[in-house]
């Protein structure tokens, strides 16, 4: 699988995540027909944090934990961006996860 092409496909999905919603690495991988590639989606997100056109802060792990937060500039930038969109976070975990979870279509 061509990483660059896969990353672009990931970014295309991530750009569709609505304001105030989140999805998981695994859900993106499944949507792209590569269900076992959640880690590769994570690599794509790691490479995207400086691109303001990609809302990487809206991608979390399957339990709603902000596992990618250390890739953002600033101490709690990922959390702040999500909270600005109305997502409730306590101890790096999304509290209203089921309500804000978005499944790519």
PDB file of N, CA and C in Angstrom:
ATOM      1  N   UNK A   1       0.847  -1.191   0.000  1.00  0.00           N
ATOM      2  CA  UNK A   1       0.000   0.000   0.000  1.00  0.00           C
ATOM      3  C   UNK A   1       0.886   1.245   0.000  1.00  0.00           C
ATOM      4  N   UNK A   2       0.603   2.159  -0.860  1.00  0.00           N
ATOM      5  CA  UNK A   2       1.364   3.405  -0.967  1.00  0.00           C
ATOM      6  C   UNK A   2       0.989   4.322   0.204  1.00  0.00           C
ATOM      7  N   UNK A   3       1.954   4.571   1.110  1.00  0.00           N
ATOM      8  CA  UNK A   3       1.679   5.383   2.300  1.00  0.00           C
ATOM      9  C   UNK A   3       1.146   6.763   1.955  1.00  0.00           C
ATOM     10  N   UNK A   4       1.757   7.431   0.980  1.00  0.00           N
ATOM     11  CA  UNK A   4       1.336   8.794   0.654  1.00  0.00           C
ATOM     12  C   UNK A   4      -0.111   8.805   0.180  1.00  0.00           C
ATOM     13  N   UNK A   5      -0.473   7.870  -0.680  1.00  0.00           N
ATOM     14  CA  UNK A   5      -1.843   7.778  -1.162  1.00  0.00           C
ATOM     15  C   UNK A   5      -2.793   7.439  -0.010  1.00  0.00           C
ATOM     16  N   UNK A   6      -2.402   6.521   0.859  1.00  0.00           N
ATOM     17  CA  UNK A   6      -3.227   6.150   2.006  1.00  0.00           C
ATOM     18  C   UNK A   6      -3.427   7.361   2.917  1.00  0.00           C
ATOM     19  N   UNK A   7      -2.354   8.086   3.193  1.00  0.00           N
ATOM     20  CA  UNK A   7      -2.453   9.274   4.046  1.00  0.00           C
ATOM     21  C   UNK A   7      -3.424  10.274   3.439  1.00  0.00           C
ATOM     22  N   UNK A   8      -3.363  10.509   2.146  1.00  0.00           N
ATOM     23  CA  UNK A   8      -4.283  11.449   1.488  1.00  0.00           C
ATOM     24  C   UNK A   8      -5.724  10.975   1.612  1.00  0.00           C
ATOM     25  N   UNK A   9      -5.942   9.685   1.509  1.00  0.00           N
ATOM     26  CA  UNK A   9      -7.294   9.136   1.675  1.00  0.00           C
ATOM     27  C   UNK A   9      -7.772   9.348   3.112  1.00  0.00           C
ATOM     28  N   UNK A  10      -6.876   9.174   4.080  1.00  0.00           N
ATOM     29  CA  UNK A  10      -7.209   9.426   5.485  1.00  0.00           C
ATOM     30  C   UNK A  10      -7.595  10.894   5.655  1.00  0.00           C
ATOM     31  N   UNK A  11      -6.792  11.793   5.113  1.00  0.00           N
ATOM     32  CA  UNK A  11      -7.054  13.228   5.269  1.00  0.00           C
ATOM     33  C   UNK A  11      -8.387  13.617   4.644  1.00  0.00           C
ATOM     34  N   UNK A  12      -8.736  12.984   3.544  1.00  0.00           N
ATOM     35  CA  UNK A  12     -10.018  13.263   2.889  1.00  0.00           C
ATOM     36  C   UNK A  12     -11.176  12.925   3.836  1.00  0.00           C
ATOM     37  N   UNK A  13     -11.071  11.803   4.539  1.00  0.00           N
ATOM     38  CA  UNK A  13     -12.107  11.409   5.503  1.00  0.00           C
ATOM     39  C   UNK A  13     -12.112  12.362   6.693  1.00  0.00           C
ATOM     40  N   UNK A  14     -10.954  12.671   7.226  1.00  0.00           N
ATOM     41  CA  UNK A  14     -10.856  13.518   8.419  1.00  0.00           C
ATOM     42  C   UNK A  14     -11.452  14.900   8.149  1.00  0.00           C
ATOM     43  N   UNK A  15     -11.259  15.405   6.954  1.00  0.00           N
ATOM     44  CA  UNK A  15     -11.830  16.723   6.614  1.00  0.00           C
ATOM     45  C   UNK A  15     -13.362  16.706   6.623  1.00  0.00           C
ATOM     46  N   UNK A  16     -13.958  15.526   6.562  1.00  0.00           N
ATOM     47  CA  UNK A  16     -15.425  15.403   6.558  1.00  0.00           C
ATOM     48  C   UNK A  16     -16.022  15.309   7.968  1.00  0.00           C
ATOM     49  N   UNK A  17     -15.182  15.121   8.986  1.00  0.00           N
ATOM     50  CA  UNK A  17     -15.708  14.995  10.351  1.00  0.00           C
ATOM     51  C   UNK A  17     -16.370  16.322  10.722  1.00  0.00           C
ATOM     52  N   UNK A  18     -17.657  16.279  11.080  1.00  0.00           N
ATOM     53  CA  UNK A  18     -18.358  17.527  11.395  1.00  0.00           C
ATOM     54  C   UNK A  18     -17.832  18.214  12.661  1.00  0.00           C
ATOM     55  N   UNK A  19     -17.995  19.506  12.714  1.00  0.00           N
ATOM     56  CA  UNK A  19     -17.683  20.313  13.895  1.00  0.00           C
ATOM     57  C   UNK A  19     -18.408  19.705  15.097  1.00  0.00           C
ATOM     58  N   UNK A  20     -17.691  19.526  16.205  1.00  0.00           N
ATOM     59  CA  UNK A  20     -18.294  18.990  17.420  1.00  0.00           C
ATOM     60  C   UNK A  20     -18.410  17.487  17.451  1.00  0.00           C
ATOM     61  N   UNK A  21     -17.842  16.811  16.458  1.00  0.00           N
ATOM     62  CA  UNK A  21     -17.875  15.350  16.397  1.00  0.00           C
ATOM     63  C   UNK A  21     -16.454  14.810  16.381  1.00  0.00           C
ATOM     64  N   UNK A  22     -16.305  13.538  16.716  1.00  0.00           N
ATOM     65  CA  UNK A  22     -15.007  12.862  16.665  1.00  0.00           C
ATOM     66  C   UNK A  22     -15.205  11.491  16.036  1.00  0.00           C
ATOM     67  N   UNK A  23     -14.117  10.905  15.602  1.00  0.00           N
ATOM     68  CA  UNK A  23     -14.133   9.510  15.156  1.00  0.00           C
ATOM     69  C   UNK A  23     -12.834   8.863  15.616  1.00  0.00           C
ATOM     70  N   UNK A  24     -12.700   7.583  15.353  1.00  0.00           N
ATOM     71  CA  UNK A  24     -11.511   6.858  15.816  1.00  0.00           C
ATOM     72  C   UNK A  24     -10.622   6.464  14.642  1.00  0.00           C
ATOM     73  N   UNK A  25      -9.393   6.156  14.978  1.00  0.00           N
ATOM     74  CA  UNK A  25      -8.431   5.684  13.982  1.00  0.00           C
ATOM     75  C   UNK A  25      -8.981   4.443  13.279  1.00  0.00           C
ATOM     76  N   UNK A  26      -9.523   3.523  14.080  1.00  0.00           N
ATOM     77  CA  UNK A  26     -10.046   2.272  13.545  1.00  0.00           C
ATOM     78  C   UNK A  26     -11.249   2.463  12.643  1.00  0.00           C
ATOM     79  N   UNK A  27     -12.116   3.410  12.977  1.00  0.00           N
ATOM     80  CA  UNK A  27     -13.298   3.671  12.162  1.00  0.00           C
ATOM     81  C   UNK A  27     -12.890   4.217  10.793  1.00  0.00           C
ATOM     82  N   UNK A  28     -11.866   5.064  10.765  1.00  0.00           N
ATOM     83  CA  UNK A  28     -11.360   5.587   9.484  1.00  0.00           C
ATOM     84  C   UNK A  28     -10.757   4.447   8.670  1.00  0.00           C
ATOM     85  N   UNK A  29      -9.948   3.618   9.324  1.00  0.00           N
ATOM     86  CA  UNK A  29      -9.318   2.484   8.627  1.00  0.00           C
ATOM     87  C   UNK A  29     -10.382   1.566   8.040  1.00  0.00           C
ATOM     88  N   UNK A  30     -11.413   1.260   8.828  1.00  0.00           N
ATOM     89  CA  UNK A  30     -12.488   0.385   8.363  1.00  0.00           C
ATOM     90  C   UNK A  30     -13.187   1.002   7.149  1.00  0.00           C
ATOM     91  N   UNK A  31     -13.472   2.298   7.208  1.00  0.00           N
ATOM     92  CA  UNK A  31     -14.131   2.991   6.103  1.00  0.00           C
ATOM     93  C   UNK A  31     -13.291   2.914   4.820  1.00  0.00           C
ATOM     94  N   UNK A  32     -11.982   2.973   4.979  1.00  0.00           N
ATOM     95  CA  UNK A  32     -11.078   2.942   3.822  1.00  0.00           C
ATOM     96  C   UNK A  32     -10.813   1.522   3.322  1.00  0.00           C
ATOM     97  N   UNK A  33     -11.463   0.533   3.936  1.00  0.00           N
ATOM     98  CA  UNK A  33     -11.288  -0.849   3.497  1.00  0.00           C
ATOM     99  C   UNK A  33     -10.001  -1.470   3.986  1.00  0.00           C
ATOM    100  N   UNK A  34      -9.438  -0.906   5.030  1.00  0.00           N
ATOM    101  CA  UNK A  34      -8.178  -1.389   5.589  1.00  0.00           C
ATOM    102  C   UNK A  34      -8.341  -1.520   7.106  1.00  0.00           C
ATOM    103  N   UNK A  35      -9.308  -2.312   7.516  1.00  0.00           N
ATOM    104  CA  UNK A  35      -9.717  -2.398   8.921  1.00  0.00           C
ATOM    105  C   UNK A  35      -8.574  -2.644   9.904  1.00  0.00           C
ATOM    106  N   UNK A  36      -7.512  -3.273   9.455  1.00  0.00           N
ATOM    107  CA  UNK A  36      -6.404  -3.573  10.369  1.00  0.00           C
ATOM    108  C   UNK A  36      -5.314  -2.510  10.331  1.00  0.00           C
ATOM    109  N   UNK A  37      -5.635  -1.354   9.773  1.00  0.00           N
ATOM    110  CA  UNK A  37      -4.628  -0.305   9.590  1.00  0.00           C
ATOM    111  C   UNK A  37      -4.857   0.916  10.478  1.00  0.00           C
ATOM    112  N   UNK A  38      -5.459   0.725  11.642  1.00  0.00           N
ATOM    113  CA  UNK A  38      -5.699   1.852  12.551  1.00  0.00           C
ATOM    114  C   UNK A  38      -4.388   2.556  12.918  1.00  0.00           C
ATOM    115  N   UNK A  39      -3.343   1.777  13.102  1.00  0.00           N
ATOM    116  CA  UNK A  39      -2.049   2.375  13.457  1.00  0.00           C
ATOM    117  C   UNK A  39      -1.526   3.254  12.317  1.00  0.00           C
ATOM    118  N   UNK A  40      -1.754   2.825  11.090  1.00  0.00           N
ATOM    119  CA  UNK A  40      -1.322   3.619   9.938  1.00  0.00           C
ATOM    120  C   UNK A  40      -2.122   4.931   9.862  1.00  0.00           C
ATOM    121  N   UNK A  41      -3.387   4.876  10.235  1.00  0.00           N
ATOM    122  CA  UNK A  41      -4.186   6.103  10.313  1.00  0.00           C
ATOM    123  C   UNK A  41      -3.565   7.028  11.357  1.00  0.00           C
ATOM    124  N   UNK A  42      -3.119   6.453  12.458  1.00  0.00           N
ATOM    125  CA  UNK A  42      -2.432   7.242  13.493  1.00  0.00           C
ATOM    126  C   UNK A  42      -1.174   7.903  12.957  1.00  0.00           C
ATOM    127  N   UNK A  43      -0.421   7.181  12.145  1.00  0.00           N
ATOM    128  CA  UNK A  43       0.783   7.770  11.549  1.00  0.00           C
ATOM    129  C   UNK A  43       0.406   8.932  10.642  1.00  0.00           C
ATOM    130  N   UNK A  44      -0.681   8.768   9.893  1.00  0.00           N
ATOM    131  CA  UNK A  44      -1.144   9.849   9.022  1.00  0.00           C
ATOM    132  C   UNK A  44      -1.517  11.070   9.863  1.00  0.00           C
ATOM    133  N   UNK A  45      -2.183  10.832  10.987  1.00  0.00           N
ATOM    134  CA  UNK A  45      -2.568  11.954  11.857  1.00  0.00           C
ATOM    135  C   UNK A  45      -1.333  12.629  12.448  1.00  0.00           C
ATOM    136  N   UNK A  46      -0.345  11.839  12.821  1.00  0.00           N
ATOM    137  CA  UNK A  46       0.897  12.407  13.365  1.00  0.00           C
ATOM    138  C   UNK A  46       1.561  13.336  12.357  1.00  0.00           C
ATOM    139  N   UNK A  47       1.451  12.995  11.095  1.00  0.00           N
ATOM    140  CA  UNK A  47       2.068  13.803  10.039  1.00  0.00           C
ATOM    141  C   UNK A  47       1.220  15.012   9.655  1.00  0.00           C
ATOM    142  N   UNK A  48       0.005  15.115  10.195  1.00  0.00           N
ATOM    143  CA  UNK A  48      -0.935  16.150   9.742  1.00  0.00           C
ATOM    144  C   UNK A  48      -1.155  17.292  10.724  1.00  0.00           C
ATOM    145  N   UNK A  49      -0.563  17.246  11.881  1.00  0.00           N
ATOM    146  CA  UNK A  49      -0.906  18.214  12.916  1.00  0.00           C
ATOM    147  C   UNK A  49      -0.553  19.656  12.597  1.00  0.00           C
ATOM    148  N   UNK A  50       0.323  19.884  11.656  1.00  0.00           N
ATOM    149  CA  UNK A  50       0.660  21.262  11.287  1.00  0.00           C
ATOM    150  C   UNK A  50      -0.142  21.778  10.105  1.00  0.00           C
ATOM    151  N   UNK A  51      -1.019  20.946   9.557  1.00  0.00           N
ATOM    152  CA  UNK A  51      -1.862  21.344   8.429  1.00  0.00           C
ATOM    153  C   UNK A  51      -3.222  21.749   8.978  1.00  0.00           C
ATOM    154  N   UNK A  52      -3.512  23.049   8.974  1.00  0.00           N
ATOM    155  CA  UNK A  52      -4.750  23.548   9.572  1.00  0.00           C
ATOM    156  C   UNK A  52      -5.997  23.121   8.795  1.00  0.00           C
ATOM    157  N   UNK A  53      -5.826  22.576   7.583  1.00  0.00           N
ATOM    158  CA  UNK A  53      -6.991  22.120   6.820  1.00  0.00           C
ATOM    159  C   UNK A  53      -7.444  20.726   7.231  1.00  0.00           C
ATOM    160  N   UNK A  54      -6.654  20.077   8.085  1.00  0.00           N
ATOM    161  CA  UNK A  54      -6.984  18.725   8.535  1.00  0.00           C
ATOM    162  C   UNK A  54      -7.302  18.793  10.036  1.00  0.00           C
ATOM    163  N   UNK A  55      -8.570  18.591  10.428  1.00  0.00           N
ATOM    164  CA  UNK A  55      -8.931  18.672  11.847  1.00  0.00           C
ATOM    165  C   UNK A  55      -8.528  17.415  12.626  1.00  0.00           C
ATOM    166  N   UNK A  56      -7.224  17.219  12.735  1.00  0.00           N
ATOM    167  CA  UNK A  56      -6.673  16.013  13.369  1.00  0.00           C
ATOM    168  C   UNK A  56      -7.126  15.875  14.821  1.00  0.00           C
ATOM    169  N   UNK A  57      -7.487  16.972  15.462  1.00  0.00           N
ATOM    170  CA  UNK A  57      -7.928  16.911  16.856  1.00  0.00           C
ATOM    171  C   UNK A  57      -9.220  16.117  17.009  1.00  0.00           C
ATOM    172  N   UNK A  58      -9.931  15.868  15.923  1.00  0.00           N
ATOM    173  CA  UNK A  58     -11.197  15.135  15.969  1.00  0.00           C
ATOM    174  C   UNK A  58     -11.025  13.623  15.836  1.00  0.00           C
ATOM    175  N   UNK A  59      -9.783  13.155  15.827  1.00  0.00           N
ATOM    176  CA  UNK A  59      -9.523  11.716  15.718  1.00  0.00           C
ATOM    177  C   UNK A  59      -8.907  11.245  17.038  1.00  0.00           C
ATOM    178  N   UNK A  60      -9.585  10.279  17.667  1.00  0.00           N
ATOM    179  CA  UNK A  60      -9.180   9.778  18.984  1.00  0.00           C
ATOM    180  C   UNK A  60      -9.149   8.245  18.938  1.00  0.00           C
ATOM    181  N   UNK A  61      -8.786   7.620  20.029  1.00  0.00           N
ATOM    182  CA  UNK A  61      -8.793   6.151  20.010  1.00  0.00           C
ATOM    183  C   UNK A  61     -10.211   5.627  20.245  1.00  0.00           C
ATOM    184  N   UNK A  62     -10.388   4.323  20.166  1.00  0.00           N
ATOM    185  CA  UNK A  62     -11.738   3.739  20.200  1.00  0.00           C
ATOM    186  C   UNK A  62     -12.431   3.861  21.556  1.00  0.00           C
ATOM    187  N   UNK A  63     -11.700   4.236  22.588  1.00  0.00           N
ATOM    188  CA  UNK A  63     -12.315   4.482  23.897  1.00  0.00           C
ATOM    189  C   UNK A  63     -12.598   5.965  24.135  1.00  0.00           C
ATOM    190  N   UNK A  64     -12.242   6.808  23.155  1.00  0.00           N
ATOM    191  CA  UNK A  64     -12.459   8.245  23.319  1.00  0.00           C
ATOM    192  C   UNK A  64     -11.351   8.947  24.075  1.00  0.00           C
ATOM    193  N   UNK A  65     -10.180   8.345  24.097  1.00  0.00           N
ATOM    194  CA  UNK A  65      -9.031   8.929  24.800  1.00  0.00           C
ATOM    195  C   UNK A  65      -8.197   9.726  23.803  1.00  0.00           C
ATOM    196  N   UNK A  66      -7.713  10.879  24.245  1.00  0.00           N
ATOM    197  CA  UNK A  66      -6.920  11.772  23.390  1.00  0.00           C
ATOM    198  C   UNK A  66      -5.486  11.269  23.282  1.00  0.00           C
ATOM    199  N   UNK A  67      -5.306  10.143  22.627  1.00  0.00           N
ATOM    200  CA  UNK A  67      -3.983   9.516  22.540  1.00  0.00           C
ATOM    201  C   UNK A  67      -3.006  10.307  21.687  1.00  0.00           C
ATOM    202  N   UNK A  68      -3.478  11.140  20.773  1.00  0.00           N
ATOM    203  CA  UNK A  68      -2.581  11.890  19.907  1.00  0.00           C
ATOM    204  C   UNK A  68      -2.238  13.272  20.409  1.00  0.00           C
ATOM    205  N   UNK A  69      -2.631  13.601  21.640  1.00  0.00           N
ATOM    206  CA  UNK A  69      -2.497  14.976  22.137  1.00  0.00           C
ATOM    207  C   UNK A  69      -1.058  15.473  22.198  1.00  0.00           C
ATOM    208  N   UNK A  70      -0.104  14.585  22.392  1.00  0.00           N
ATOM    209  CA  UNK A  70       1.291  15.022  22.497  1.00  0.00           C
ATOM    210  C   UNK A  70       1.867  15.475  21.147  1.00  0.00           C
ATOM    211  N   UNK A  71       1.139  15.267  20.059  1.00  0.00           N
ATOM    212  CA  UNK A  71       1.601  15.705  18.754  1.00  0.00           C
ATOM    213  C   UNK A  71       1.172  17.138  18.434  1.00  0.00           C
ATOM    214  N   UNK A  72       0.367  17.729  19.295  1.00  0.00           N
ATOM    215  CA  UNK A  72      -0.096  19.092  19.087  1.00  0.00           C
ATOM    216  C   UNK A  72       0.806  20.066  19.821  1.00  0.00           C
ATOM    217  N   UNK A  73       0.986  21.249  19.237  1.00  0.00           N
ATOM    218  CA  UNK A  73       1.742  22.297  19.914  1.00  0.00           C
ATOM    219  C   UNK A  73       0.944  22.765  21.123  1.00  0.00           C
ATOM    220  N   UNK A  74       1.622  23.110  22.178  1.00  0.00           N
ATOM    221  CA  UNK A  74       0.929  23.569  23.378  1.00  0.00           C
ATOM    222  C   UNK A  74       0.605  22.413  24.299  1.00  0.00           C
ATOM    223  N   UNK A  75       0.324  22.726  25.545  1.00  0.00           N
ATOM    224  CA  UNK A  75       0.106  21.705  26.564  1.00  0.00           C
ATOM    225  C   UNK A  75      -1.182  20.920  26.353  1.00  0.00           C
ATOM    226  N   UNK A  76      -2.276  21.601  26.141  1.00  0.00           N
ATOM    227  CA  UNK A  76      -3.570  20.937  26.015  1.00  0.00           C
ATOM    228  C   UNK A  76      -4.320  21.372  24.767  1.00  0.00           C
ATOM    229  N   UNK A  77      -3.604  21.629  23.676  1.00  0.00           N
ATOM    230  CA  UNK A  77      -4.244  22.172  22.483  1.00  0.00           C
ATOM    231  C   UNK A  77      -5.329  21.262  21.926  1.00  0.00           C
ATOM    232  N   UNK A  78      -5.078  19.967  21.851  1.00  0.00           N
ATOM    233  CA  UNK A  78      -6.090  19.049  21.323  1.00  0.00           C
ATOM    234  C   UNK A  78      -7.373  19.135  22.155  1.00  0.00           C
ATOM    235  N   UNK A  79      -7.210  19.101  23.461  1.00  0.00           N
ATOM    236  CA  UNK A  79      -8.361  19.201  24.362  1.00  0.00           C
ATOM    237  C   UNK A  79      -9.067  20.541  24.189  1.00  0.00           C
ATOM    238  N   UNK A  80      -8.311  21.622  24.112  1.00  0.00           N
ATOM    239  CA  UNK A  80      -8.911  22.951  23.955  1.00  0.00           C
ATOM    240  C   UNK A  80      -9.709  23.057  22.658  1.00  0.00           C
ATOM    241  N   UNK A  81      -9.157  22.524  21.576  1.00  0.00           N
ATOM    242  CA  UNK A  81      -9.857  22.569  20.291  1.00  0.00           C
ATOM    243  C   UNK A  81     -11.176  21.802  20.359  1.00  0.00           C
ATOM    244  N   UNK A  82     -11.152  20.642  20.990  1.00  0.00           N
ATOM    245  CA  UNK A  82     -12.377  19.842  21.122  1.00  0.00           C
ATOM    246  C   UNK A  82     -13.380  20.529  22.044  1.00  0.00           C
ATOM    247  N   UNK A  83     -12.910  21.063  23.148  1.00  0.00           N
ATOM    248  CA  UNK A  83     -13.811  21.749  24.078  1.00  0.00           C
ATOM    249  C   UNK A  83     -14.444  22.975  23.427  1.00  0.00           C
ATOM    250  N   UNK A  84     -13.690  23.652  22.562  1.00  0.00           N
ATOM    251  CA  UNK A  84     -14.245  24.796  21.828  1.00  0.00           C
ATOM    252  C   UNK A  84     -15.381  24.373  20.904  1.00  0.00           C
ATOM    253  N   UNK A  85     -15.432  23.080  20.577  1.00  0.00           N
ATOM    254  CA  UNK A  85     -16.488  22.548  19.717  1.00  0.00           C
ATOM    255  C   UNK A  85     -17.603  21.896  20.539  1.00  0.00           C
ATOM    256  N   UNK A  86     -17.530  22.030  21.874  1.00  0.00           N
ATOM    257  CA  UNK A  86     -18.587  21.510  22.737  1.00  0.00           C
ATOM    258  C   UNK A  86     -18.380  20.092  23.228  1.00  0.00           C
ATOM    259  N   UNK A  87     -17.202  19.524  23.008  1.00  0.00           N
ATOM    260  CA  UNK A  87     -16.906  18.160  23.454  1.00  0.00           C
ATOM    261  C   UNK A  87     -16.398  18.228  24.895  1.00  0.00           C
ATOM    262  N   UNK A  88     -16.983  17.425  25.777  1.00  0.00           N
ATOM    263  CA  UNK A  88     -16.617  17.412  27.189  1.00  0.00           C
ATOM    264  C   UNK A  88     -15.498  16.394  27.423  1.00  0.00           C
ATOM    265  N   UNK A  89     -14.417  16.862  28.052  1.00  0.00           N
ATOM    266  CA  UNK A  89     -13.246  16.006  28.293  1.00  0.00           C
ATOM    267  C   UNK A  89     -12.846  16.080  29.759  1.00  0.00           C
ATOM    268  N   UNK A  90     -12.634  14.918  30.349  1.00  0.00           N
ATOM    269  CA  UNK A  90     -12.137  14.826  31.721  1.00  0.00           C
ATOM    270  C   UNK A  90     -11.012  13.799  31.720  1.00  0.00           C
ATOM    271  N   UNK A  91      -9.866  14.188  32.257  1.00  0.00           N
ATOM    272  CA  UNK A  91      -8.697  13.300  32.334  1.00  0.00           C
ATOM    273  C   UNK A  91      -8.358  12.676  30.979  1.00  0.00           C
ATOM    274  N   UNK A  92      -8.314  13.525  29.941  1.00  0.00           N
ATOM    275  CA  UNK A  92      -7.946  13.114  28.581  1.00  0.00           C
ATOM    276  C   UNK A  92      -8.933  12.151  27.926  1.00  0.00           C
ATOM    277  N   UNK A  93     -10.148  12.060  28.448  1.00  0.00           N
ATOM    278  CA  UNK A  93     -11.150  11.164  27.881  1.00  0.00           C
ATOM    279  C   UNK A  93     -12.434  11.942  27.589  1.00  0.00           C
ATOM    280  N   UNK A  94     -13.012  11.659  26.424  1.00  0.00           N
ATOM    281  CA  UNK A  94     -14.260  12.313  26.033  1.00  0.00           C
ATOM    282  C   UNK A  94     -15.401  11.707  26.846  1.00  0.00           C
ATOM    283  N   UNK A  95     -16.135  12.556  27.554  1.00  0.00           N
ATOM    284  CA  UNK A  95     -17.204  12.097  28.427  1.00  0.00           C
ATOM    285  C   UNK A  95     -18.477  11.733  27.650  1.00  0.00           C
ATOM    286  N   UNK A  96     -18.815  12.502  26.653  1.00  0.00           N
ATOM    287  CA  UNK A  96     -20.031  12.261  25.870  1.00  0.00           C
ATOM    288  C   UNK A  96     -19.680  11.571  24.553  1.00  0.00           C
ATOM    289  N   UNK A  97     -18.813  10.566  24.656  1.00  0.00           N
ATOM    290  CA  UNK A  97     -18.226   9.921  23.479  1.00  0.00           C
ATOM    291  C   UNK A  97     -19.275   9.362  22.523  1.00  0.00           C
ATOM    292  N   UNK A  98     -20.242   8.614  23.026  1.00  0.00           N
ATOM    293  CA  UNK A  98     -21.255   8.020  22.147  1.00  0.00           C
ATOM    294  C   UNK A  98     -22.069   9.089  21.425  1.00  0.00           C
ATOM    295  N   UNK A  99     -22.302  10.202  22.061  1.00  0.00           N
ATOM    296  CA  UNK A  99     -23.099  11.279  21.462  1.00  0.00           C
ATOM    297  C   UNK A  99     -22.337  12.044  20.381  1.00  0.00           C
ATOM    298  N   UNK A 100     -21.030  12.149  20.523  1.00  0.00           N
ATOM    299  CA  UNK A 100     -20.252  12.944  19.567  1.00  0.00           C
ATOM    300  C   UNK A 100     -19.504  12.072  18.556  1.00  0.00           C
ATOM    301  N   UNK A 101     -19.652  10.747  18.673  1.00  0.00           N
ATOM    302  CA  UNK A 101     -18.943   9.854  17.768  1.00  0.00           C
ATOM    303  C   UNK A 101     -19.555   9.876  16.373  1.00  0.00           C
ATOM    304  N   UNK A 102     -18.722  10.031  15.362  1.00  0.00           N
ATOM    305  CA  UNK A 102     -19.151  10.104  13.965  1.00  0.00           C
ATOM    306  C   UNK A 102     -18.588   8.921  13.205  1.00  0.00           C
ATOM    307  N   UNK A 103     -19.453   8.258  12.440  1.00  0.00           N
ATOM    308  CA  UNK A 103     -19.023   7.129  11.613  1.00  0.00           C
ATOM    309  C   UNK A 103     -18.971   7.594  10.168  1.00  0.00           C
ATOM    310  N   UNK A 104     -17.820   7.487   9.520  1.00  0.00           N
ATOM    311  CA  UNK A 104     -17.700   7.914   8.121  1.00  0.00           C
ATOM    312  C   UNK A 104     -18.670   7.163   7.218  1.00  0.00           C
ATOM    313  N   UNK A 105     -19.206   7.890   6.261  1.00  0.00           N
ATOM    314  CA  UNK A 105     -20.141   7.280   5.287  1.00  0.00           C
ATOM    315  C   UNK A 105     -19.715   7.616   3.889  1.00  0.00           C
TER     316      UNK A 105
END
